């Protein structure tokens, strides 16, 4: 899924953070796939948004490496991240 290997640790951290926010214990999962399965069991929409964010991060990183102008991509990336954060936060609040 991720082309830029430099992004793998960041994406793993994002997955772990989402699992923790949703009430899971990231250390209970051995792989990114296991983390994603947990997220999916809570809300498929959050998993879809996570995938959107990862794809956008990968694309954004490729543009930066190629010294290409970022244009609207930066705003789209921030909007996607913001939607994901809001949805995870709302799901977390529902579980309390």
N, C-alpha and C. Protein backbone atom coordinates (compact mmCIF):
# COMPACT_ATOMS: atom_id res chain seq x y z
N UNK A 1 0.82 -1.18 0.00
CA UNK A 1 0.00 0.00 0.00
C UNK A 1 0.87 1.26 0.00
N UNK A 2 1.89 1.32 0.85
CA UNK A 2 2.73 2.51 0.95
C UNK A 2 3.93 2.33 0.03
N UNK A 3 4.14 3.29 -0.85
CA UNK A 3 5.28 3.23 -1.76
C UNK A 3 6.54 3.75 -1.06
N UNK A 4 6.41 4.88 -0.36
CA UNK A 4 7.55 5.49 0.33
C UNK A 4 7.81 4.76 1.64
N UNK A 5 8.89 4.01 1.68
CA UNK A 5 9.22 3.22 2.87
C UNK A 5 9.45 4.11 4.10
N UNK A 6 9.83 5.36 3.88
CA UNK A 6 10.05 6.29 4.99
C UNK A 6 8.77 6.58 5.77
N UNK A 7 7.62 6.35 5.13
CA UNK A 7 6.34 6.64 5.77
C UNK A 7 5.80 5.46 6.60
N UNK A 8 6.40 4.30 6.48
CA UNK A 8 5.88 3.12 7.17
C UNK A 8 5.81 3.32 8.68
N UNK A 9 6.86 3.83 9.34
CA UNK A 9 6.74 4.04 10.80
C UNK A 9 5.65 5.04 11.17
N UNK A 10 5.52 6.10 10.40
CA UNK A 10 4.48 7.09 10.67
C UNK A 10 3.09 6.46 10.54
N UNK A 11 2.87 5.71 9.50
CA UNK A 11 1.57 5.08 9.28
C UNK A 11 1.26 4.04 10.35
N UNK A 12 2.29 3.33 10.80
CA UNK A 12 2.10 2.37 11.89
C UNK A 12 1.69 3.12 13.16
N UNK A 13 2.36 4.23 13.43
CA UNK A 13 2.03 5.04 14.61
C UNK A 13 0.59 5.56 14.53
N UNK A 14 0.17 5.99 13.36
CA UNK A 14 -1.21 6.48 13.19
C UNK A 14 -2.19 5.35 13.49
N UNK A 15 -1.92 4.16 12.97
CA UNK A 15 -2.80 3.01 13.24
C UNK A 15 -2.88 2.71 14.74
N UNK A 16 -1.71 2.67 15.39
CA UNK A 16 -1.68 2.39 16.83
C UNK A 16 -2.44 3.46 17.61
N UNK A 17 -2.29 4.71 17.23
CA UNK A 17 -2.97 5.80 17.92
C UNK A 17 -4.48 5.68 17.77
N UNK A 18 -4.93 5.33 16.58
CA UNK A 18 -6.37 5.16 16.36
C UNK A 18 -6.90 3.99 17.19
N UNK A 19 -6.19 2.87 17.19
CA UNK A 19 -6.61 1.72 17.99
C UNK A 19 -6.72 2.11 19.46
N UNK A 20 -5.72 2.81 19.96
CA UNK A 20 -5.74 3.24 21.36
C UNK A 20 -6.93 4.16 21.63
N UNK A 21 -7.17 5.11 20.73
CA UNK A 21 -8.29 6.05 20.89
C UNK A 21 -9.64 5.34 20.85
N UNK A 22 -9.70 4.23 20.14
CA UNK A 22 -10.95 3.47 20.04
C UNK A 22 -11.13 2.47 21.17
N UNK A 23 -10.18 2.47 22.11
CA UNK A 23 -10.32 1.61 23.28
C UNK A 23 -9.53 0.32 23.23
N UNK A 24 -8.78 0.12 22.17
CA UNK A 24 -7.97 -1.09 22.05
C UNK A 24 -6.60 -0.90 22.66
N UNK A 25 -5.88 -1.96 22.78
CA UNK A 25 -4.51 -1.92 23.28
C UNK A 25 -3.59 -2.30 22.12
N UNK A 26 -2.89 -1.30 21.55
CA UNK A 26 -2.06 -1.57 20.36
C UNK A 26 -1.05 -2.70 20.54
N UNK A 27 -0.56 -2.90 21.76
CA UNK A 27 0.43 -3.96 21.98
C UNK A 27 -0.15 -5.35 21.80
N UNK A 28 -1.48 -5.47 21.79
CA UNK A 28 -2.13 -6.76 21.59
C UNK A 28 -2.10 -7.22 20.13
N UNK A 29 -1.68 -6.35 19.25
CA UNK A 29 -1.71 -6.64 17.82
C UNK A 29 -0.29 -6.75 17.28
N UNK A 30 -0.07 -7.74 16.43
CA UNK A 30 1.28 -8.02 15.94
C UNK A 30 1.63 -7.32 14.64
N UNK A 31 0.62 -6.92 13.87
CA UNK A 31 0.92 -6.35 12.56
C UNK A 31 -0.02 -5.20 12.25
N UNK A 32 0.32 -4.45 11.22
CA UNK A 32 -0.56 -3.38 10.76
C UNK A 32 -1.90 -3.95 10.33
N UNK A 33 -1.89 -5.13 9.73
CA UNK A 33 -3.13 -5.77 9.32
C UNK A 33 -4.02 -6.07 10.53
N UNK A 34 -3.42 -6.54 11.61
CA UNK A 34 -4.19 -6.80 12.83
C UNK A 34 -4.78 -5.50 13.39
N UNK A 35 -3.98 -4.43 13.36
CA UNK A 35 -4.48 -3.13 13.82
C UNK A 35 -5.66 -2.68 12.96
N UNK A 36 -5.52 -2.85 11.66
CA UNK A 36 -6.60 -2.45 10.75
C UNK A 36 -7.84 -3.31 10.93
N UNK A 37 -7.66 -4.58 11.22
CA UNK A 37 -8.82 -5.44 11.48
C UNK A 37 -9.59 -4.96 12.71
N UNK A 38 -8.86 -4.53 13.73
CA UNK A 38 -9.52 -4.00 14.92
C UNK A 38 -10.28 -2.72 14.58
N UNK A 39 -9.64 -1.81 13.86
CA UNK A 39 -10.30 -0.56 13.46
C UNK A 39 -11.56 -0.87 12.66
N UNK A 40 -11.44 -1.80 11.73
CA UNK A 40 -12.59 -2.18 10.90
C UNK A 40 -13.73 -2.74 11.75
N UNK A 41 -13.40 -3.49 12.79
CA UNK A 41 -14.44 -4.06 13.65
C UNK A 41 -15.20 -2.99 14.42
N UNK A 42 -14.58 -1.84 14.59
CA UNK A 42 -15.23 -0.72 15.29
C UNK A 42 -16.03 0.13 14.30
N UNK A 43 -15.38 0.51 13.19
CA UNK A 43 -16.05 1.38 12.22
C UNK A 43 -15.29 1.33 10.89
N UNK A 44 -15.92 0.76 9.89
CA UNK A 44 -15.29 0.63 8.56
C UNK A 44 -14.99 2.00 7.97
N UNK A 45 -15.80 3.00 8.28
CA UNK A 45 -15.59 4.34 7.76
C UNK A 45 -14.25 4.91 8.23
N UNK A 46 -13.90 4.65 9.48
CA UNK A 46 -12.61 5.13 10.00
C UNK A 46 -11.47 4.45 9.25
N UNK A 47 -11.61 3.15 9.00
CA UNK A 47 -10.57 2.45 8.24
C UNK A 47 -10.44 3.02 6.84
N UNK A 48 -11.56 3.29 6.19
CA UNK A 48 -11.51 3.88 4.85
C UNK A 48 -10.83 5.25 4.86
N UNK A 49 -11.13 6.04 5.87
CA UNK A 49 -10.49 7.36 5.98
C UNK A 49 -9.00 7.22 6.24
N UNK A 50 -8.63 6.23 7.05
CA UNK A 50 -7.22 5.96 7.30
C UNK A 50 -6.51 5.62 6.00
N UNK A 51 -7.11 4.76 5.20
CA UNK A 51 -6.50 4.39 3.91
C UNK A 51 -6.38 5.62 3.00
N UNK A 52 -7.42 6.46 2.98
CA UNK A 52 -7.35 7.69 2.19
C UNK A 52 -6.18 8.55 2.64
N UNK A 53 -6.02 8.70 3.95
CA UNK A 53 -4.93 9.52 4.48
C UNK A 53 -3.57 8.94 4.11
N UNK A 54 -3.41 7.64 4.21
CA UNK A 54 -2.13 7.01 3.89
C UNK A 54 -1.79 7.21 2.42
N UNK A 55 -2.77 7.03 1.54
CA UNK A 55 -2.53 7.24 0.11
C UNK A 55 -2.14 8.69 -0.15
N UNK A 56 -2.83 9.61 0.51
CA UNK A 56 -2.53 11.03 0.32
C UNK A 56 -1.14 11.38 0.85
N UNK A 57 -0.77 10.82 2.00
CA UNK A 57 0.57 11.06 2.55
C UNK A 57 1.64 10.56 1.58
N UNK A 58 1.41 9.40 1.02
CA UNK A 58 2.36 8.81 0.08
C UNK A 58 2.51 9.70 -1.16
N UNK A 59 1.38 10.14 -1.69
CA UNK A 59 1.38 11.02 -2.87
C UNK A 59 2.05 12.36 -2.54
N UNK A 60 1.69 12.93 -1.41
CA UNK A 60 2.26 14.20 -0.96
C UNK A 60 3.78 14.08 -0.83
N UNK A 61 4.24 12.99 -0.23
CA UNK A 61 5.67 12.77 -0.06
C UNK A 61 6.38 12.67 -1.41
N UNK A 62 5.75 11.99 -2.35
CA UNK A 62 6.33 11.87 -3.70
C UNK A 62 6.45 13.24 -4.36
N UNK A 63 5.45 14.08 -4.18
CA UNK A 63 5.51 15.44 -4.74
C UNK A 63 6.65 16.24 -4.11
N UNK A 64 6.79 16.13 -2.82
CA UNK A 64 7.86 16.85 -2.12
C UNK A 64 9.23 16.38 -2.61
N UNK A 65 9.41 15.07 -2.74
CA UNK A 65 10.69 14.54 -3.21
C UNK A 65 11.01 14.98 -4.63
N UNK A 66 9.98 15.16 -5.44
CA UNK A 66 10.16 15.57 -6.83
C UNK A 66 10.19 17.10 -6.98
N UNK A 67 10.16 17.80 -5.86
CA UNK A 67 10.16 19.27 -5.87
C UNK A 67 9.03 19.84 -6.73
N UNK A 68 7.87 19.18 -6.66
CA UNK A 68 6.70 19.64 -7.40
C UNK A 68 5.88 20.60 -6.54
N UNK A 69 5.20 21.53 -7.19
CA UNK A 69 4.33 22.43 -6.41
C UNK A 69 3.19 21.62 -5.78
N UNK A 70 2.83 21.98 -4.56
CA UNK A 70 1.84 21.20 -3.83
C UNK A 70 0.41 21.60 -4.13
N UNK A 71 0.17 22.84 -4.45
CA UNK A 71 -1.17 23.28 -4.81
C UNK A 71 -2.21 22.90 -3.78
N UNK A 72 -3.31 22.35 -4.25
CA UNK A 72 -4.43 22.01 -3.37
C UNK A 72 -4.19 20.71 -2.60
N UNK A 73 -3.15 19.97 -2.93
CA UNK A 73 -2.90 18.70 -2.27
C UNK A 73 -2.70 18.86 -0.77
N UNK A 74 -2.01 19.93 -0.36
CA UNK A 74 -1.77 20.15 1.07
C UNK A 74 -3.08 20.35 1.81
N UNK A 75 -3.97 21.14 1.24
CA UNK A 75 -5.28 21.39 1.87
C UNK A 75 -6.10 20.10 1.94
N UNK A 76 -6.08 19.32 0.87
CA UNK A 76 -6.81 18.05 0.86
C UNK A 76 -6.28 17.09 1.92
N UNK A 77 -4.96 17.05 2.06
CA UNK A 77 -4.34 16.19 3.06
C UNK A 77 -4.78 16.60 4.46
N UNK A 78 -4.74 17.89 4.74
CA UNK A 78 -5.16 18.38 6.05
C UNK A 78 -6.64 18.14 6.31
N UNK A 79 -7.47 18.33 5.30
CA UNK A 79 -8.90 18.08 5.44
C UNK A 79 -9.19 16.61 5.74
N UNK A 80 -8.48 15.72 5.05
CA UNK A 80 -8.66 14.29 5.27
C UNK A 80 -8.23 13.90 6.68
N UNK A 81 -7.09 14.42 7.11
CA UNK A 81 -6.62 14.14 8.47
C UNK A 81 -7.61 14.68 9.50
N UNK A 82 -8.13 15.87 9.26
CA UNK A 82 -9.08 16.48 10.19
C UNK A 82 -10.35 15.64 10.31
N UNK A 83 -10.89 15.18 9.18
CA UNK A 83 -12.10 14.34 9.21
C UNK A 83 -11.85 13.05 9.99
N UNK A 84 -10.68 12.46 9.78
CA UNK A 84 -10.34 11.22 10.48
C UNK A 84 -10.26 11.48 11.99
N UNK A 85 -9.61 12.55 12.38
CA UNK A 85 -9.48 12.88 13.80
C UNK A 85 -10.85 13.10 14.43
N UNK A 86 -11.69 13.85 13.76
CA UNK A 86 -13.04 14.14 14.29
C UNK A 86 -13.83 12.84 14.45
N UNK A 87 -13.80 11.98 13.44
CA UNK A 87 -14.57 10.73 13.51
C UNK A 87 -14.05 9.80 14.61
N UNK A 88 -12.74 9.71 14.76
CA UNK A 88 -12.17 8.87 15.83
C UNK A 88 -12.56 9.44 17.19
N UNK A 89 -12.48 10.75 17.31
CA UNK A 89 -12.85 11.40 18.58
C UNK A 89 -14.31 11.15 18.91
N UNK A 90 -15.19 11.28 17.92
CA UNK A 90 -16.62 11.03 18.15
C UNK A 90 -16.86 9.58 18.54
N UNK A 91 -16.18 8.66 17.90
CA UNK A 91 -16.34 7.24 18.23
C UNK A 91 -15.85 6.98 19.65
N UNK A 92 -14.76 7.63 20.03
CA UNK A 92 -14.21 7.49 21.37
C UNK A 92 -15.20 8.01 22.40
N UNK A 93 -15.83 9.15 22.12
CA UNK A 93 -16.80 9.73 23.05
C UNK A 93 -18.03 8.85 23.19
N UNK A 94 -18.42 8.17 22.12
CA UNK A 94 -19.58 7.27 22.18
C UNK A 94 -19.31 6.06 23.07
N UNK A 95 -18.05 5.67 23.14
CA UNK A 95 -17.71 4.48 23.93
C UNK A 95 -17.65 4.78 25.43
N UNK A 96 -17.64 6.05 25.80
CA UNK A 96 -17.61 6.41 27.23
C UNK A 96 -18.96 6.44 27.73
